[in-house]
Amino acid sequence: MLSCVCNPVYRLAVAALSFCLVVFTFDRVSAADRLTGLHSAQVMSQSMPWIAQEAGLFKKYDLDFRLVFIPSSPVATAATLNGDAEIGVTGAIGNVRAYVQGFTDLVFIGGVKNFLTHSIVGKPEIKRPEDLKGKKVAIGRFGGNTHYFTIQALRKFGMDASKDIQTIQTGGGPETLAALIAGNVDAAGLVAPGDAAAVARGFGYVINGFDLRIPYGATQFVTLRSTINKRGPVIGRFMRVMAESAIILHTDKNFVYNCASRTQKFSIRRIRRKSRPWSGV
């Protein structure tokens, strides 16, 4: 055995094998393509990146994916245009507004939810939409999904949001819920699980968005045409990950509930209470 170890040919073979193992390992590690994405709301319709991470799908498709939370569709759109992220999971309104203003590099590459599922929740004495007249109604950000929903929902009841209510911008869903609970506003535009959290504290539904089913690109995947030109195969792998995540979202409710509870600290009980047919959970 000693003579074998001392044999120059043997040592050369071992060195060559070691080199191959190092190169192969480095190639495997470096194979993962980095990709930065953002999402604009901590809601179940934007949960597919969380699901993919928990299920190991990014690793399966050799993606090193980092998700950043920016609590507003318009701000998220600006971040995408600035190159801060290559993929956005967000509402349509900020992207559509930017596109019609001339930022035509933006492009939708997928969609998750095609109608608004927000609700307006208010103090116990506010029973009907008409009771909102003159009241302070909180939304996340001007130009965001909750703002758009509030405008369109009130229009369904013959009201004008710019005249009939005082719209208060809070910054995001958690801040909107906090403002309602603190008594700083009379009602709030919220989406699950925020609306369920408000109802659990004694507030009531004034307008239920599920009943209205207002058509809208509520959750979309967006990127830049220039990004597709540069990194098309990587974006394609990301969308395959999202497709597999969608299957899990619609078929494995226990995995989805536990994932939301672990990654976003959602209450499983509240998620179950607010689950609707659109999500499959």
Protein backbone atom coordinates (compact mmCIF):
# COMPACT_ATOMS: atom_id res chain seq x y z
CA MET A 1 0.00 0.00 0.00
CA LEU A 2 2.86 2.36 0.87
CA SER A 3 4.55 1.75 -2.50
CA CYS A 4 1.27 2.48 -4.22
CA VAL A 5 0.92 5.78 -2.39
CA CYS A 6 4.48 6.74 -3.24
CA ASN A 7 3.97 5.87 -6.90
CA PRO A 8 4.08 9.12 -8.97
CA VAL A 9 1.39 7.80 -11.32
CA TYR A 10 -0.89 7.08 -8.38
CA ARG A 11 -0.29 10.54 -6.91
CA LEU A 12 -1.02 12.11 -10.29
CA ALA A 13 -4.26 10.16 -10.59
CA VAL A 14 -5.37 11.23 -7.10
CA ALA A 15 -4.53 14.85 -7.87
CA ALA A 16 -6.47 14.70 -11.14
CA LEU A 17 -9.47 13.13 -9.41
CA SER A 18 -9.36 15.77 -6.65
CA PHE A 19 -9.22 18.54 -9.24
CA CYS A 20 -12.23 17.10 -11.08
CA LEU A 21 -14.20 16.87 -7.84
CA VAL A 22 -13.40 20.48 -6.96
CA VAL A 23 -14.35 21.72 -10.43
CA PHE A 24 -17.55 19.67 -10.44
CA THR A 25 -18.53 20.92 -6.98
CA PHE A 26 -17.81 24.53 -7.93
CA ASP A 27 -19.84 24.11 -11.11
CA ARG A 28 -22.78 22.74 -9.13
CA VAL A 29 -22.61 25.61 -6.65
CA SER A 30 -22.21 28.29 -9.31
CA ALA A 31 -25.01 26.82 -11.45
CA ALA A 32 -27.70 28.62 -9.44
CA ASP A 33 -28.69 31.85 -11.18
CA ARG A 34 -29.37 34.75 -8.85
CA LEU A 35 -32.70 36.48 -9.24
CA THR A 36 -34.25 39.25 -7.17
CA GLY A 37 -38.01 39.62 -6.92
CA LEU A 38 -40.38 41.81 -4.99
CA HIS A 39 -43.94 41.59 -3.76
CA SER A 40 -46.23 44.39 -2.69
CA ALA A 41 -48.57 42.75 -0.17
CA GLN A 42 -48.41 40.03 2.48
CA VAL A 43 -51.44 38.19 1.13
CA MET A 44 -52.19 34.66 0.00
CA SER A 45 -52.47 35.60 -3.68
CA GLN A 46 -48.79 36.60 -3.58
CA SER A 47 -47.73 33.51 -1.65
CA MET A 48 -46.28 31.42 -4.48
CA PRO A 49 -42.66 32.55 -3.95
CA TRP A 50 -42.96 31.59 -0.25
CA ILE A 51 -44.42 28.23 -1.23
CA ALA A 52 -41.64 27.66 -3.77
CA GLN A 53 -38.98 28.41 -1.19
CA GLU A 54 -40.50 26.06 1.37
CA ALA A 55 -40.98 23.31 -1.22
CA GLY A 56 -37.41 23.56 -2.54
CA LEU A 57 -38.52 24.50 -6.04
CA PHE A 58 -35.98 27.27 -6.56
CA LYS A 59 -33.21 24.81 -5.79
CA LYS A 60 -34.79 22.30 -8.16
CA TYR A 61 -34.55 24.82 -11.00
CA ASP A 62 -31.10 26.14 -10.03
CA LEU A 63 -32.29 29.54 -8.92
CA ASP A 64 -30.92 31.59 -6.05
CA PHE A 65 -34.02 33.71 -5.48
CA ARG A 66 -34.30 36.61 -3.06
CA LEU A 67 -37.72 38.15 -2.31
CA VAL A 68 -38.08 41.74 -1.08
CA PHE A 69 -41.27 43.24 0.39
CA ILE A 70 -42.29 46.71 -0.87
CA PRO A 71 -45.77 47.57 0.47
CA SER A 72 -47.20 49.40 -2.54
CA SER A 73 -47.85 48.58 -6.19
CA PRO A 74 -46.66 51.99 -7.51
CA VAL A 75 -43.49 51.90 -5.39
CA ALA A 76 -42.86 48.30 -6.44
CA THR A 77 -43.24 49.35 -10.09
CA ALA A 78 -40.69 52.11 -9.59
CA ALA A 79 -38.27 49.60 -8.06
CA THR A 80 -38.68 47.31 -11.06
CA LEU A 81 -38.06 50.17 -13.49
CA ASN A 82 -34.97 51.21 -11.52
CA GLY A 83 -33.52 47.72 -11.84
CA ASP A 84 -33.74 46.97 -8.11
CA ALA A 85 -35.62 43.76 -8.92
CA GLU A 86 -36.04 41.62 -12.01
CA ILE A 87 -39.45 40.15 -11.15
CA GLY A 88 -42.43 41.80 -9.51
CA VAL A 89 -45.40 40.04 -7.91
CA THR A 90 -47.83 42.87 -7.51
CA GLY A 91 -51.12 44.49 -8.46
CA ALA A 92 -51.65 45.76 -11.99
CA ILE A 93 -52.48 49.39 -11.34
CA GLY A 94 -48.97 50.75 -10.73
CA ASN A 95 -47.62 48.95 -13.78
CA VAL A 96 -50.49 49.97 -16.04
CA ARG A 97 -50.16 53.61 -15.00
CA ALA A 98 -46.42 53.53 -15.67
CA TYR A 99 -46.95 51.86 -19.05
CA VAL A 100 -49.44 54.46 -20.30
CA GLN A 101 -47.04 57.16 -19.10
CA GLY A 102 -44.44 55.83 -21.51
CA PHE A 103 -42.54 53.13 -19.60
CA THR A 104 -43.27 50.50 -22.24
CA ASP A 105 -40.39 48.26 -21.20
CA LEU A 106 -42.74 46.85 -18.56
CA VAL A 107 -44.50 43.63 -19.49
CA PHE A 108 -46.88 41.23 -17.74
CA ILE A 109 -45.71 37.62 -18.00
CA GLY A 110 -48.30 35.90 -15.82
CA GLY A 111 -51.30 36.37 -13.58
CA VAL A 112 -52.66 34.78 -10.42
CA LYS A 113 -55.93 36.52 -9.57
CA ASN A 114 -58.25 38.33 -11.97
CA PHE A 115 -60.67 40.07 -9.65
CA LEU A 116 -60.38 42.12 -6.48
CA THR A 117 -60.93 40.34 -3.18
CA HIS A 118 -60.58 43.32 -0.87
CA SER A 119 -63.28 44.44 1.53
CA ILE A 120 -64.16 47.61 3.37
CA VAL A 121 -64.42 46.94 7.09
CA GLY A 122 -65.74 49.52 9.52
CA LYS A 123 -66.81 50.36 13.04
CA PRO A 124 -69.88 48.50 14.31
CA GLU A 125 -72.18 51.47 13.71
CA ILE A 126 -71.28 51.55 10.01
CA LYS A 127 -73.62 49.01 8.48
CA ARG A 128 -74.09 50.06 4.84
CA PRO A 129 -71.97 51.72 2.15
CA GLU A 130 -74.04 54.92 2.51
CA ASP A 131 -72.94 55.10 6.15
CA LEU A 132 -69.40 55.78 4.93
CA LYS A 133 -70.31 59.28 3.71
CA GLY A 134 -68.10 61.86 5.39
CA LYS A 135 -66.10 59.15 7.18
CA LYS A 136 -62.36 58.55 7.22
CA VAL A 137 -61.49 55.43 5.20
CA ALA A 138 -57.94 54.09 5.32
CA ILE A 139 -56.15 52.59 2.33
CA GLY A 140 -52.56 51.44 1.87
CA ARG A 141 -51.26 53.92 -0.69
CA PHE A 142 -52.79 56.23 -3.23
CA GLY A 143 -52.69 54.45 -6.57
CA GLY A 144 -52.45 51.00 -4.98
CA ASN A 145 -54.86 48.07 -5.02
CA THR A 146 -56.81 49.07 -1.90
CA HIS A 147 -57.26 52.59 -3.26
CA TYR A 148 -58.47 51.29 -6.61
CA PHE A 149 -60.84 48.86 -4.90
CA THR A 150 -62.30 51.57 -2.68
CA ILE A 151 -62.97 53.80 -5.68
CA GLN A 152 -64.58 51.04 -7.73
CA ALA A 153 -66.54 49.51 -4.86
CA LEU A 154 -68.12 52.81 -3.86
CA ARG A 155 -68.93 53.50 -7.50
CA LYS A 156 -70.99 50.29 -7.51
CA PHE A 157 -73.18 51.90 -4.85
CA GLY A 158 -73.49 55.26 -6.61
CA MET A 159 -70.82 56.97 -4.50
CA ASP A 160 -67.77 59.01 -5.46
CA ALA A 161 -64.71 58.28 -3.33
CA SER A 162 -63.20 61.67 -4.14
CA LYS A 163 -66.24 63.48 -2.71
CA ASP A 164 -68.13 61.20 -0.34
CA ILE A 165 -65.33 59.97 1.96
CA GLN A 166 -62.01 61.13 3.39
CA THR A 167 -59.38 58.77 2.02
CA ILE A 168 -56.45 58.32 4.41
CA GLN A 169 -53.16 56.83 3.18
CA THR A 170 -51.43 54.66 5.78
CA GLY A 171 -48.55 53.05 3.88
CA GLY A 172 -49.61 49.39 3.71
CA GLY A 173 -51.94 46.65 4.91
CA PRO A 174 -50.55 46.26 8.45
CA GLU A 175 -50.55 50.03 8.93
CA THR A 176 -54.14 50.25 7.67
CA LEU A 177 -55.27 47.61 10.16
CA ALA A 178 -53.39 49.38 12.95
CA ALA A 179 -55.04 52.71 12.11
CA LEU A 180 -58.48 51.10 12.23
CA ILE A 181 -57.85 49.35 15.55
CA ALA A 182 -56.42 52.56 17.06
CA GLY A 183 -59.56 54.47 16.12
CA ASN A 184 -57.75 56.87 13.81
CA VAL A 185 -60.14 56.04 10.97
CA ASP A 186 -63.76 54.89 10.73
CA ALA A 187 -63.28 52.18 8.11
CA ALA A 188 -60.54 50.58 6.05
CA GLY A 189 -59.93 48.86 2.76
CA LEU A 190 -58.32 45.53 3.61
CA VAL A 191 -57.56 42.18 2.04
CA ALA A 192 -57.21 38.77 3.70
CA PRO A 193 -56.01 38.10 6.32
CA GLY A 194 -56.22 41.74 7.44
CA ASP A 195 -60.00 41.93 7.13
CA ALA A 196 -60.46 38.78 9.20
CA ALA A 197 -58.16 40.23 11.85
CA ALA A 198 -60.33 43.36 11.97
CA VAL A 199 -63.57 41.37 12.22
CA ALA A 200 -62.08 39.33 15.07
CA ARG A 201 -61.67 42.63 16.94
CA GLY A 202 -65.31 43.63 16.56
CA PHE A 203 -65.35 45.50 13.25
CA GLY A 204 -67.84 44.56 10.56
CA TYR A 205 -67.95 44.14 6.80
CA VAL A 206 -69.43 47.16 5.04
CA ILE A 207 -68.58 46.06 1.50
CA ASN A 208 -67.45 42.52 0.68
CA GLY A 209 -65.29 42.47 -2.42
CA PHE A 210 -65.89 38.77 -3.05
CA ASP A 211 -69.52 39.54 -3.72
CA LEU A 212 -68.72 42.35 -6.16
CA ARG A 213 -66.07 40.42 -8.14
CA ILE A 214 -64.64 43.56 -9.71
CA PRO A 215 -62.51 42.48 -12.72
CA TYR A 216 -58.87 43.45 -12.23
CA GLY A 217 -55.34 42.13 -12.54
CA ALA A 218 -55.12 41.84 -8.77
CA THR A 219 -51.91 39.80 -8.71
CA GLN A 220 -49.55 39.80 -11.68
CA PHE A 221 -46.00 38.80 -12.51
CA VAL A 222 -44.19 41.67 -14.18
CA THR A 223 -40.70 42.23 -15.53
CA LEU A 224 -38.97 44.29 -18.20
CA ARG A 225 -38.67 43.38 -21.87
CA SER A 226 -34.99 44.23 -21.62
CA THR A 227 -34.62 41.74 -18.76
CA ILE A 228 -36.23 39.02 -20.86
CA ASN A 229 -33.82 39.80 -23.69
CA LYS A 230 -30.86 39.46 -21.33
CA ARG A 231 -32.04 36.66 -19.06
CA GLY A 232 -34.90 34.94 -20.87
CA PRO A 233 -34.03 31.35 -19.84
CA VAL A 234 -33.71 32.39 -16.17
CA ILE A 235 -37.08 34.17 -16.24
CA GLY A 236 -38.53 31.08 -17.92
CA ARG A 237 -37.28 28.83 -15.11
CA PHE A 238 -38.75 31.22 -12.55
CA MET A 239 -42.17 30.95 -14.22
CA ARG A 240 -41.94 27.16 -14.20
CA VAL A 241 -41.29 27.40 -10.46
CA MET A 242 -44.39 29.59 -10.09
CA ALA A 243 -46.46 27.10 -12.11
CA GLU A 244 -45.46 24.27 -9.79
CA SER A 245 -46.13 26.52 -6.78
CA ALA A 246 -49.61 27.22 -8.14
CA ILE A 247 -50.32 23.49 -8.19
CA ILE A 248 -49.35 23.26 -4.53
CA LEU A 249 -51.43 26.36 -3.71
CA HIS A 250 -54.52 24.78 -5.24
CA THR A 251 -54.07 21.19 -4.05
CA ASP A 252 -52.19 21.01 -0.74
CA LYS A 253 -53.97 23.27 1.73
CA ASN A 254 -52.15 22.00 4.81
CA PHE A 255 -48.76 22.75 3.26
CA VAL A 256 -49.97 26.21 2.19
CA TYR A 257 -51.44 27.04 5.62
CA ASN A 258 -48.29 25.93 7.41
CA CYS A 259 -46.08 27.78 4.93
CA ALA A 260 -48.03 31.03 5.42
CA SER A 261 -47.88 30.57 9.18
CA ARG A 262 -44.12 30.00 9.20
CA THR A 263 -43.01 32.57 6.63
CA GLN A 264 -45.50 35.39 7.18
CA LYS A 265 -46.74 34.66 10.72
CA PHE A 266 -50.33 34.39 9.50
CA SER A 267 -52.88 32.82 11.82
CA ILE A 268 -53.91 29.47 10.33
CA ARG A 269 -57.35 29.86 11.88
CA ARG A 270 -57.86 33.20 10.14
CA ILE A 271 -56.58 31.87 6.83
CA ARG A 272 -59.06 29.00 7.00
CA ARG A 273 -61.86 31.42 7.84
CA LYS A 274 -61.06 33.57 4.79
CA SER A 275 -60.29 30.77 2.31
CA ARG A 276 -62.32 31.09 -0.88
CA PRO A 277 -62.71 29.02 -4.08
CA TRP A 278 -60.32 31.26 -6.06
CA SER A 279 -57.35 29.95 -4.11
CA GLY A 280 -58.28 26.31 -3.89
CA VAL A 281 -57.41 26.35 -0.20
